[in-house]
C-alpha atoms as a PDB file:
ATOM      1  CA  MET A   1     231.863  42.495 -65.131  1.00  0.00           C
ATOM      2  CA  GLU A   2     228.858  44.670 -65.280  1.00  0.00           C
ATOM      3  CA  THR A   3     226.234  44.641 -62.667  1.00  0.00           C
ATOM      4  CA  TYR A   4     222.589  45.296 -63.398  1.00  0.00           C
ATOM      5  CA  GLN A   5     220.288  46.464 -60.959  1.00  0.00           C
ATOM      6  CA  PHE A   6     216.594  46.212 -61.135  1.00  0.00           C
ATOM      7  CA  ARG A   7     214.350  48.026 -58.974  1.00  0.00           C
ATOM      8  CA  LEU A   8     210.540  47.458 -58.596  1.00  0.00           C
ATOM      9  CA  THR A   9     208.449  50.530 -58.311  1.00  0.00           C
ATOM     10  CA  THR A  10     205.002  50.813 -57.635  1.00  0.00           C
ATOM     11  CA  PRO A  11     202.924  53.268 -59.971  1.00  0.00           C
ATOM     12  CA  SER A  12     202.145  56.546 -58.528  1.00  0.00           C
ATOM     13  CA  PRO A  13     198.673  57.338 -57.575  1.00  0.00           C
ATOM     14  CA  LEU A  14     198.375  59.709 -60.498  1.00  0.00           C
ATOM     15  CA  ALA A  15     199.170  56.916 -62.992  1.00  0.00           C
ATOM     16  CA  ARG A  16     196.681  54.496 -61.108  1.00  0.00           C
ATOM     17  CA  ASN A  17     193.905  57.241 -61.463  1.00  0.00           C
ATOM     18  CA  ARG A  18     194.675  57.775 -64.983  1.00  0.00           C
ATOM     19  CA  GLY A  19     194.223  54.124 -65.599  1.00  0.00           C
ATOM     20  CA  ARG A  20     190.899  53.926 -64.028  1.00  0.00           C
ATOM     21  CA  ALA A  21     189.516  56.917 -65.798  1.00  0.00           C
ATOM     22  CA  LEU A  22     190.034  55.100 -69.152  1.00  0.00           C
ATOM     23  CA  GLY A  23     186.920  52.809 -68.761  1.00  0.00           C
ATOM     24  CA  PHE A  24     184.230  51.628 -66.735  1.00  0.00           C
ATOM     25  CA  THR A  25     183.945  48.311 -65.088  1.00  0.00           C
ATOM     26  CA  LEU A  26     181.168  45.852 -66.126  1.00  0.00           C
ATOM     27  CA  ALA A  27     179.690  46.217 -62.614  1.00  0.00           C
ATOM     28  CA  GLU A  28     179.616  49.840 -62.770  1.00  0.00           C
ATOM     29  CA  VAL A  29     177.659  49.696 -66.134  1.00  0.00           C
ATOM     30  CA  LEU A  30     175.265  47.320 -64.739  1.00  0.00           C
ATOM     31  CA  ILE A  31     174.356  49.453 -61.568  1.00  0.00           C
ATOM     32  CA  ALA A  32     173.862  52.472 -63.626  1.00  0.00           C
ATOM     33  CA  MET A  33     171.511  50.559 -66.002  1.00  0.00           C
ATOM     34  CA  PHE A  34     169.511  49.188 -63.210  1.00  0.00           C
ATOM     35  CA  ILE A  35     169.150  52.783 -61.700  1.00  0.00           C
ATOM     36  CA  LEU A  36     168.051  54.173 -64.962  1.00  0.00           C
ATOM     37  CA  THR A  37     165.547  51.498 -65.450  1.00  0.00           C
ATOM     38  CA  VAL A  38     163.949  52.120 -62.037  1.00  0.00           C
ATOM     39  CA  GLY A  39     163.850  55.660 -62.589  1.00  0.00           C
ATOM     40  CA  LEU A  40     162.135  55.270 -65.906  1.00  0.00           C
ATOM     41  CA  THR A  41     159.584  52.859 -64.807  1.00  0.00           C
ATOM     42  CA  ALA A  42     158.677  55.158 -61.668  1.00  0.00           C
ATOM     43  CA  MET A  43     158.359  58.062 -64.119  1.00  0.00           C
ATOM     44  CA  ALA A  44     156.151  56.019 -66.608  1.00  0.00           C
ATOM     45  CA  THR A  45     153.903  54.963 -63.603  1.00  0.00           C
ATOM     46  CA  LEU A  46     153.653  58.536 -62.572  1.00  0.00           C
ATOM     47  CA  VAL A  47     152.484  59.773 -66.136  1.00  0.00           C
ATOM     48  CA  ALA A  48     149.998  56.893 -66.422  1.00  0.00           C
ATOM     49  CA  GLN A  49     148.379  57.817 -63.055  1.00  0.00           C
ATOM     50  CA  SER A  50     148.249  61.416 -64.001  1.00  0.00           C
ATOM     51  CA  LEU A  51     146.655  60.785 -67.118  1.00  0.00           C
ATOM     52  CA  GLY A  52     144.002  58.446 -65.329  1.00  0.00           C
ATOM     53  CA  GLY A  53     143.297  61.187 -62.888  1.00  0.00           C
ATOM     54  CA  THR A  54     142.582  63.843 -65.494  1.00  0.00           C
ATOM     55  CA  ASP A  55     140.243  61.315 -67.249  1.00  0.00           C
ATOM     56  CA  ARG A  56     138.396  60.510 -64.018  1.00  0.00           C
ATOM     57  CA  ALA A  57     138.051  64.476 -63.271  1.00  0.00           C
ATOM     58  CA  ARG A  58     136.698  64.976 -66.664  1.00  0.00           C
ATOM     59  CA  TYR A  59     134.144  62.257 -66.370  1.00  0.00           C
ATOM     60  CA  LEU A  60     133.208  63.362 -62.684  1.00  0.00           C
ATOM     61  CA  GLY A  61     132.825  66.962 -64.078  1.00  0.00           C
ATOM     62  CA  LEU A  62     130.226  65.709 -66.801  1.00  0.00           C
ATOM     63  CA  ALA A  63     128.424  63.654 -64.082  1.00  0.00           C
ATOM     64  CA  THR A  64     128.107  66.603 -61.892  1.00  0.00           C
ATOM     65  CA  THR A  65     126.740  68.733 -64.801  1.00  0.00           C
ATOM     66  CA  LEU A  66     124.089  66.060 -65.376  1.00  0.00           C
ATOM     67  CA  VAL A  67     122.996  65.883 -61.884  1.00  0.00           C
ATOM     68  CA  SER A  68     122.581  69.493 -61.806  1.00  0.00           C
ATOM     69  CA  GLU A  69     120.585  69.513 -64.839  1.00  0.00           C
ATOM     70  CA  LYS A  70     118.092  67.077 -63.596  1.00  0.00           C
ATOM     71  CA  LEU A  71     117.743  68.638 -60.122  1.00  0.00           C
ATOM     72  CA  GLU A  72     116.961  71.834 -62.078  1.00  0.00           C
ATOM     73  CA  ASP A  73     114.518  70.202 -64.352  1.00  0.00           C
ATOM     74  CA  VAL A  74     112.583  68.748 -61.423  1.00  0.00           C
ATOM     75  CA  ASN A  75     112.735  71.936 -59.381  1.00  0.00           C
ATOM     76  CA  ARG A  76     111.056  74.014 -61.935  1.00  0.00           C
ATOM     77  CA  TRP A  77     108.284  71.648 -62.566  1.00  0.00           C
ATOM     78  CA  PRO A  78     104.854  72.329 -60.285  1.00  0.00           C
ATOM     79  CA  SER A  79     104.127  70.020 -57.534  1.00  0.00           C
ATOM     80  CA  ALA A  80     100.908  68.735 -59.321  1.00  0.00           C
ATOM     81  CA  ASP A  81     103.072  67.554 -62.376  1.00  0.00           C
ATOM     82  CA  PRO A  82     103.308  63.736 -62.386  1.00  0.00           C
ATOM     83  CA  HIS A  83     107.078  63.715 -62.920  1.00  0.00           C
ATOM     84  CA  VAL A  84     107.473  65.146 -59.328  1.00  0.00           C
ATOM     85  CA  SER A  85     105.034  62.685 -57.514  1.00  0.00           C
ATOM     86  CA  ALA A  86     106.768  60.474 -54.942  1.00  0.00           C
ATOM     87  CA  GLY A  87     108.597  57.620 -56.884  1.00  0.00           C
ATOM     88  CA  GLY A  88     111.803  56.332 -58.440  1.00  0.00           C
ATOM     89  CA  SER A  89     114.750  54.343 -57.086  1.00  0.00           C
ATOM     90  CA  LEU A  90     118.354  54.806 -56.954  1.00  0.00           C
ATOM     91  CA  SER A  91     119.226  50.965 -56.882  1.00  0.00           C
ATOM     92  CA  ALA A  92     117.212  49.972 -59.943  1.00  0.00           C
ATOM     93  CA  ASP A  93     115.175  51.499 -62.946  1.00  0.00           C
ATOM     94  CA  SER A  94     111.812  52.307 -61.899  1.00  0.00           C
ATOM     95  CA  SER A  95     108.788  54.009 -63.384  1.00  0.00           C
ATOM     96  CA  SER A  96     105.339  55.298 -62.164  1.00  0.00           C
ATOM     97  CA  GLY A  97     102.647  54.621 -64.998  1.00  0.00           C
ATOM     98  CA  SER A  98     104.210  56.096 -68.080  1.00  0.00           C
ATOM     99  CA  ILE A  99     106.599  58.325 -66.003  1.00  0.00           C
ATOM    100  CA  ASN A 100     110.040  57.028 -65.879  1.00  0.00           C
ATOM    101  CA  TYR A 101     112.681  57.954 -63.118  1.00  0.00           C
ATOM    102  CA  TYR A 102     115.783  57.103 -65.225  1.00  0.00           C
ATOM    103  CA  ASP A 103     117.261  57.903 -68.470  1.00  0.00           C
ATOM    104  CA  ASP A 104     120.462  57.550 -70.424  1.00  0.00           C
ATOM    105  CA  VAL A 105     122.878  60.335 -71.575  1.00  0.00           C
ATOM    106  CA  ASP A 106     125.261  59.862 -74.524  1.00  0.00           C
ATOM    107  CA  LEU A 107     127.897  62.452 -75.430  1.00  0.00           C
ATOM    108  CA  SER A 108     129.792  62.240 -78.777  1.00  0.00           C
ATOM    109  CA  ASN A 109     133.436  63.369 -79.112  1.00  0.00           C
ATOM    110  CA  THR A 110     133.269  63.286 -82.799  1.00  0.00           C
ATOM    111  CA  SER A 111     130.060  65.103 -83.570  1.00  0.00           C
ATOM    112  CA  GLY A 112     129.642  67.194 -80.344  1.00  0.00           C
ATOM    113  CA  TYR A 113     126.046  66.176 -79.828  1.00  0.00           C
ATOM    114  CA  VAL A 114     124.266  65.287 -76.381  1.00  0.00           C
ATOM    115  CA  SER A 115     121.521  62.780 -76.764  1.00  0.00           C
ATOM    116  CA  GLU A 116     119.051  61.965 -73.895  1.00  0.00           C
ATOM    117  CA  THR A 117     116.941  58.810 -74.235  1.00  0.00           C
ATOM    118  CA  ILE A 118     113.929  57.967 -72.035  1.00  0.00           C
ATOM    119  CA  ALA A 119     112.217  54.563 -72.345  1.00  0.00           C
ATOM    120  CA  SER A 120     108.442  54.408 -71.470  1.00  0.00           C
ATOM    121  CA  THR A 121     106.469  51.104 -71.651  1.00  0.00           C
ATOM    122  CA  THR A 122     102.745  51.059 -72.065  1.00  0.00           C
ATOM    123  CA  ALA A 123     100.676  47.882 -72.643  1.00  0.00           C
ATOM    124  CA  GLY A 124     103.979  45.814 -72.954  1.00  0.00           C
ATOM    125  CA  VAL A 125     105.310  48.191 -75.724  1.00  0.00           C
ATOM    126  CA  THR A 126     108.544  50.120 -75.004  1.00  0.00           C
ATOM    127  CA  THR A 127     108.768  53.549 -76.740  1.00  0.00           C
ATOM    128  CA  TYR A 128     112.224  55.295 -76.682  1.00  0.00           C
ATOM    129  CA  THR A 129     112.185  59.137 -76.736  1.00  0.00           C
ATOM    130  CA  ASN A 130     115.368  60.570 -77.912  1.00  0.00           C
ATOM    131  CA  VAL A 131     116.347  64.247 -77.735  1.00  0.00           C
ATOM    132  CA  ILE A 132     119.524  65.133 -79.492  1.00  0.00           C
ATOM    133  CA  HIS A 133     121.261  68.639 -78.897  1.00  0.00           C
ATOM    134  CA  ASN A 134     123.313  69.224 -81.824  1.00  0.00           C
ATOM    135  CA  ALA A 135     126.740  71.026 -81.726  1.00  0.00           C
ATOM    136  CA  THR A 136     124.869  73.712 -84.152  1.00  0.00           C
ATOM    137  CA  GLY A 137     122.134  74.432 -81.498  1.00  0.00           C
ATOM    138  CA  TYR A 138     119.590  72.494 -83.436  1.00  0.00           C
ATOM    139  CA  VAL A 139     117.257  70.319 -81.244  1.00  0.00           C
ATOM    140  CA  ASP A 140     116.020  67.062 -82.822  1.00  0.00           C
ATOM    141  CA  THR A 141     113.357  64.789 -81.057  1.00  0.00           C
ATOM    142  CA  SER A 142     112.433  61.264 -82.306  1.00  0.00           C
ATOM    143  CA  SER A 143     110.878  58.365 -80.905  1.00  0.00           C
ATOM    144  CA  GLY A 144     110.520  54.844 -81.777  1.00  0.00           C
ATOM    145  CA  THR A 145     110.276  51.337 -80.475  1.00  0.00           C
ATOM    146  CA  THR A 146     113.919  50.543 -81.215  1.00  0.00           C
ATOM    147  CA  ALA A 147     116.602  51.752 -78.699  1.00  0.00           C
ATOM    148  CA  PRO A 148     118.864  54.529 -80.473  1.00  0.00           C
ATOM    149  CA  THR A 149     122.373  53.606 -80.677  1.00  0.00           C
ATOM    150  CA  GLY A 150     124.698  56.219 -79.433  1.00  0.00           C
ATOM    151  CA  SER A 151     128.380  57.170 -79.976  1.00  0.00           C
ATOM    152  CA  GLY A 152     129.310  54.681 -77.158  1.00  0.00           C
ATOM    153  CA  ILE A 153     132.099  56.998 -76.236  1.00  0.00           C
ATOM    154  CA  ILE A 154     130.856  58.582 -73.093  1.00  0.00           C
ATOM    155  CA  ALA A 155     127.492  57.199 -71.839  1.00  0.00           C
ATOM    156  CA  PHE A 156     125.804  58.007 -68.461  1.00  0.00           C
ATOM    157  CA  HIS A 157     122.943  56.253 -66.735  1.00  0.00           C
ATOM    158  CA  ARG A 158     120.807  58.705 -64.443  1.00  0.00           C
ATOM    159  CA  ARG A 159     118.493  57.826 -61.789  1.00  0.00           C
ATOM    160  CA  TRP A 160     116.374  59.895 -59.454  1.00  0.00           C
ATOM    161  CA  LEU A 161     114.225  59.480 -56.535  1.00  0.00           C
ATOM    162  CA  ILE A 162     111.588  61.708 -55.058  1.00  0.00           C
ATOM    163  CA  GLU A 163     110.625  61.298 -51.480  1.00  0.00           C
ATOM    164  CA  ALA A 164     107.625  63.281 -50.117  1.00  0.00           C
ATOM    165  CA  ASP A 165     107.742  64.623 -46.417  1.00  0.00           C
ATOM    166  CA  PRO A 166     111.597  63.655 -46.135  1.00  0.00           C
ATOM    167  CA  VAL A 167     113.307  63.185 -42.764  1.00  0.00           C
ATOM    168  CA  VAL A 168     116.428  65.598 -42.531  1.00  0.00           C
ATOM    169  CA  ASN A 169     118.470  65.149 -39.504  1.00  0.00           C
ATOM    170  CA  GLY A 170     115.684  63.620 -37.697  1.00  0.00           C
ATOM    171  CA  ILE A 171     113.147  66.175 -38.554  1.00  0.00           C
ATOM    172  CA  THR A 172     110.191  65.461 -40.827  1.00  0.00           C
ATOM    173  CA  LEU A 173     109.806  68.164 -43.485  1.00  0.00           C
ATOM    174  CA  THR A 174     106.051  68.099 -44.043  1.00  0.00           C
ATOM    175  CA  GLY A 175     104.839  69.440 -47.277  1.00  0.00           C
ATOM    176  CA  SER A 176     108.300  69.124 -48.722  1.00  0.00           C
ATOM    177  CA  ARG A 177     109.889  66.857 -51.147  1.00  0.00           C
ATOM    178  CA  ARG A 178     113.494  65.744 -51.416  1.00  0.00           C
ATOM    179  CA  VAL A 179     115.061  64.963 -54.974  1.00  0.00           C
ATOM    180  CA  THR A 180     118.096  62.905 -55.169  1.00  0.00           C
ATOM    181  CA  VAL A 181     119.900  62.143 -58.667  1.00  0.00           C
ATOM    182  CA  LEU A 182     122.577  59.601 -59.166  1.00  0.00           C
ATOM    183  CA  VAL A 183     124.704  59.640 -62.387  1.00  0.00           C
ATOM    184  CA  THR A 184     126.843  56.739 -63.209  1.00  0.00           C
ATOM    185  CA  LEU A 185     129.154  56.278 -66.180  1.00  0.00           C
ATOM    186  CA  THR A 186     127.810  52.969 -68.164  1.00  0.00           C
ATOM    187  CA  ASN A 187     130.843  52.322 -70.343  1.00  0.00           C
ATOM    188  CA  GLN A 188     133.542  52.122 -67.816  1.00  0.00           C
ATOM    189  CA  ALA A 189     136.361  54.046 -69.285  1.00  0.00           C
ATOM    190  CA  VAL A 190     138.117  54.546 -65.904  1.00  0.00           C
ATOM    191  CA  GLU A 191     138.353  52.701 -62.900  1.00  0.00           C
ATOM    192  CA  PRO A 192     137.083  52.864 -60.151  1.00  0.00           C
ATOM    193  CA  ALA A 193     133.723  53.672 -61.652  1.00  0.00           C
ATOM    194  CA  VAL A 194     132.613  57.195 -61.778  1.00  0.00           C
ATOM    195  CA  ALA A 195     129.438  57.971 -59.999  1.00  0.00           C
ATOM    196  CA  PHE A 196     128.083  61.162 -58.465  1.00  0.00           C
ATOM    197  CA  GLN A 197     124.944  61.971 -56.264  1.00  0.00           C
ATOM    198  CA  MET A 198     123.169  64.901 -55.154  1.00  0.00           C
ATOM    199  CA  SER A 199     120.102  65.919 -53.348  1.00  0.00           C
ATOM    200  CA  LEU A 200     117.757  68.924 -53.311  1.00  0.00           C
ATOM    201  CA  VAL A 201     115.031  69.763 -50.745  1.00  0.00           C
ATOM    202  CA  ARG A 202     112.371  72.099 -51.590  1.00  0.00           C
ATOM    203  CA  PRO A 203     108.687  72.934 -50.490  1.00  0.00           C
END
């Protein structure tokens, strides 16, 4: 009579590792997908914030240029000029007679022109003066009773305030004037709103 002996053997560690290397478990795949999703979401958020910051810096740079331009305009006018008589407001559009202390500046990305519009009201009739600086260097001036329509792409509203004998650090500067210009982006392309303000004191 023949006797058969069976011996149960456990697989060697090498065989076990070879079996595991053949595939991934469902849990491992799900964990890998979750990590990948979190990483891609964080990267997309970072790119969006970077692009938003670039746009905001661009608009802020344009606002700074517009503030400097208006300060230079007011600074070169003589003291007797009605434009530099004390007046204006930073909280609301204001005028003194036919002189306005606010204007609108429209910049076109397509045609490259810069348009500056000033509205003046006399005897209940509002007249709009529009100065367009074309990309070719040609300057066109027009006026009418209808507000011009700009490109609507980048539009700034500019207000300025002129104070006679301003008080600076508790000292009254008699015979001087302080001009403060505030520029805000009216078509809110970026949040928070872009605004820039600067002051100039001169005798």
